[in-house]
Amino acid sequence: MTTHHISTVAHLIGEPVRSVMLISLADGGSWPAGALAEAAGVIAQTASAHLAKLLDGGLLTAQRQGRHRYYRLAGPHVVNALESLAGVRVIGV
């Protein structure tokens, strides 16, 4: 594990819109981009840009079904990372 890897993953997860999308998918389900956009409170184009970053970063996978792409977490390691981060208590911020 390298510092660069940690900072890249932290940057992807740390952006509020992306963290909402990731947490929404933490139950193991697959969601279309429109539903993730709605959950995060952003328009479709904004969601698409964030989803592309999460795909490129290896945190999500996507599967096309008809007109829609369904997104899901790339594996249990992503859920573990989210749960671990949720348990960190930050003092003085």
C-alpha atoms as a PDB file:
ATOM      1  CA  MET A   1       0.000   0.000   0.000  1.00  0.00           C
ATOM      2  CA  THR A   2       1.367   3.395  -0.950  1.00  0.00           C
ATOM      3  CA  THR A   3       0.628   6.908   0.203  1.00  0.00           C
ATOM      4  CA  HIS A   4      -0.416   7.764  -3.359  1.00  0.00           C
ATOM      5  CA  HIS A   5      -2.978   4.938  -3.358  1.00  0.00           C
ATOM      6  CA  ILE A   6      -4.422   6.031  -0.004  1.00  0.00           C
ATOM      7  CA  SER A   7      -4.708   9.666  -1.067  1.00  0.00           C
ATOM      8  CA  THR A   8      -6.341   8.723  -4.385  1.00  0.00           C
ATOM      9  CA  VAL A   9      -8.968   6.545  -2.711  1.00  0.00           C
ATOM     10  CA  ALA A  10      -9.523   9.144   0.015  1.00  0.00           C
ATOM     11  CA  HIS A  11     -10.016  11.836  -2.623  1.00  0.00           C
ATOM     12  CA  LEU A  12     -12.608   9.714  -4.436  1.00  0.00           C
ATOM     13  CA  ILE A  13     -14.515   8.824  -1.276  1.00  0.00           C
ATOM     14  CA  GLY A  14     -14.118  12.235   0.376  1.00  0.00           C
ATOM     15  CA  GLU A  15     -16.131  14.218  -2.142  1.00  0.00           C
ATOM     16  CA  PRO A  16     -19.656  14.532  -0.654  1.00  0.00           C
ATOM     17  CA  VAL A  17     -21.620  13.616  -3.803  1.00  0.00           C
ATOM     18  CA  ARG A  18     -19.461  10.545  -4.402  1.00  0.00           C
ATOM     19  CA  SER A  19     -19.647   9.456  -0.763  1.00  0.00           C
ATOM     20  CA  VAL A  20     -23.469   9.590  -0.882  1.00  0.00           C
ATOM     21  CA  MET A  21     -23.438   7.478  -4.036  1.00  0.00           C
ATOM     22  CA  LEU A  22     -21.075   4.937  -2.483  1.00  0.00           C
ATOM     23  CA  ILE A  23     -23.048   4.729   0.756  1.00  0.00           C
ATOM     24  CA  SER A  24     -26.264   4.300  -1.258  1.00  0.00           C
ATOM     25  CA  LEU A  25     -24.711   1.253  -2.911  1.00  0.00           C
ATOM     26  CA  ALA A  26     -23.335  -0.215   0.333  1.00  0.00           C
ATOM     27  CA  ASP A  27     -26.321  -2.559   0.684  1.00  0.00           C
ATOM     28  CA  GLY A  28     -24.975  -4.564  -2.254  1.00  0.00           C
ATOM     29  CA  GLY A  29     -27.579  -3.470  -4.777  1.00  0.00           C
ATOM     30  CA  SER A  30     -27.209  -2.061  -8.272  1.00  0.00           C
ATOM     31  CA  TRP A  31     -28.602   1.373  -9.066  1.00  0.00           C
ATOM     32  CA  PRO A  32     -29.057   3.281 -12.311  1.00  0.00           C
ATOM     33  CA  ALA A  33     -27.329   6.636 -12.667  1.00  0.00           C
ATOM     34  CA  GLY A  34     -30.620   8.549 -12.342  1.00  0.00           C
ATOM     35  CA  ALA A  35     -31.386   7.021  -8.961  1.00  0.00           C
ATOM     36  CA  LEU A  36     -27.866   7.763  -7.733  1.00  0.00           C
ATOM     37  CA  ALA A  37     -28.174  11.341  -8.994  1.00  0.00           C
ATOM     38  CA  GLU A  38     -31.435  11.739  -7.087  1.00  0.00           C
ATOM     39  CA  ALA A  39     -29.957  10.244  -3.908  1.00  0.00           C
ATOM     40  CA  ALA A  40     -27.024  12.651  -4.102  1.00  0.00           C
ATOM     41  CA  GLY A  41     -29.191  15.653  -4.998  1.00  0.00           C
ATOM     42  CA  VAL A  42     -27.450  16.425  -8.297  1.00  0.00           C
ATOM     43  CA  ILE A  43     -28.435  16.562 -11.954  1.00  0.00           C
ATOM     44  CA  ALA A  44     -27.738  13.653 -14.300  1.00  0.00           C
ATOM     45  CA  GLN A  45     -24.687  15.261 -15.945  1.00  0.00           C
ATOM     46  CA  THR A  46     -23.046  15.892 -12.578  1.00  0.00           C
ATOM     47  CA  ALA A  47     -23.783  12.344 -11.460  1.00  0.00           C
ATOM     48  CA  SER A  48     -22.315  10.982 -14.685  1.00  0.00           C
ATOM     49  CA  ALA A  49     -19.042  12.829 -14.115  1.00  0.00           C
ATOM     50  CA  HIS A  50     -18.776  11.527 -10.543  1.00  0.00           C
ATOM     51  CA  LEU A  51     -19.674   7.973 -11.567  1.00  0.00           C
ATOM     52  CA  ALA A  52     -16.972   8.047 -14.256  1.00  0.00           C
ATOM     53  CA  LYS A  53     -14.386   8.988 -11.625  1.00  0.00           C
ATOM     54  CA  LEU A  54     -15.528   6.186  -9.314  1.00  0.00           C
ATOM     55  CA  LEU A  55     -15.377   3.698 -12.194  1.00  0.00           C
ATOM     56  CA  ASP A  56     -11.907   4.875 -13.237  1.00  0.00           C
ATOM     57  CA  GLY A  57     -10.774   4.643  -9.617  1.00  0.00           C
ATOM     58  CA  GLY A  58     -11.940   1.045  -9.361  1.00  0.00           C
ATOM     59  CA  LEU A  59     -14.525   1.653  -6.635  1.00  0.00           C
ATOM     60  CA  LEU A  60     -17.516   0.859  -8.871  1.00  0.00           C
ATOM     61  CA  THR A  61     -18.421  -1.500 -11.678  1.00  0.00           C
ATOM     62  CA  ALA A  62     -21.185  -0.956 -14.233  1.00  0.00           C
ATOM     63  CA  GLN A  63     -23.366  -3.286 -16.229  1.00  0.00           C
ATOM     64  CA  ARG A  64     -25.520  -2.218 -19.153  1.00  0.00           C
ATOM     65  CA  GLN A  65     -29.111  -3.476 -19.257  1.00  0.00           C
ATOM     66  CA  GLY A  66     -31.015  -2.056 -22.175  1.00  0.00           C
ATOM     67  CA  ARG A  67     -30.782   1.732 -22.135  1.00  0.00           C
ATOM     68  CA  HIS A  68     -29.502   1.895 -18.575  1.00  0.00           C
ATOM     69  CA  ARG A  69     -26.210   1.261 -16.853  1.00  0.00           C
ATOM     70  CA  TYR A  70     -26.459  -0.180 -13.370  1.00  0.00           C
ATOM     71  CA  TYR A  71     -23.703   0.665 -10.917  1.00  0.00           C
ATOM     72  CA  ARG A  72     -22.546  -1.392  -7.959  1.00  0.00           C
ATOM     73  CA  LEU A  73     -19.607  -1.363  -5.595  1.00  0.00           C
ATOM     74  CA  ALA A  74     -16.540  -3.108  -6.990  1.00  0.00           C
ATOM     75  CA  GLY A  75     -16.474  -5.552  -4.090  1.00  0.00           C
ATOM     76  CA  PRO A  76     -16.634  -6.054  -0.353  1.00  0.00           C
ATOM     77  CA  HIS A  77     -13.343  -4.196   0.068  1.00  0.00           C
ATOM     78  CA  VAL A  78     -15.167  -0.953  -0.807  1.00  0.00           C
ATOM     79  CA  VAL A  79     -17.841  -1.607   1.846  1.00  0.00           C
ATOM     80  CA  ASN A  80     -15.088  -2.405   4.356  1.00  0.00           C
ATOM     81  CA  ALA A  81     -13.332   0.874   3.566  1.00  0.00           C
ATOM     82  CA  LEU A  82     -16.569   2.862   3.946  1.00  0.00           C
ATOM     83  CA  GLU A  83     -17.405   1.160   7.243  1.00  0.00           C
ATOM     84  CA  SER A  84     -13.879   1.719   8.551  1.00  0.00           C
ATOM     85  CA  LEU A  85     -13.971   5.394   7.641  1.00  0.00           C
ATOM     86  CA  ALA A  86     -17.402   5.798   9.205  1.00  0.00           C
ATOM     87  CA  GLY A  87     -15.957   4.514  12.482  1.00  0.00           C
ATOM     88  CA  VAL A  88     -13.117   7.048  12.614  1.00  0.00           C
ATOM     89  CA  ARG A  89     -13.816   9.740  15.147  1.00  0.00           C
ATOM     90  CA  VAL A  90     -12.364  13.138  14.235  1.00  0.00           C
ATOM     91  CA  ILE A  91     -11.716  15.471  17.155  1.00  0.00           C
ATOM     92  CA  GLY A  92     -11.342  19.214  16.833  1.00  0.00           C
ATOM     93  CA  VAL A  93     -12.575  19.651  13.293  1.00  0.00           C
END
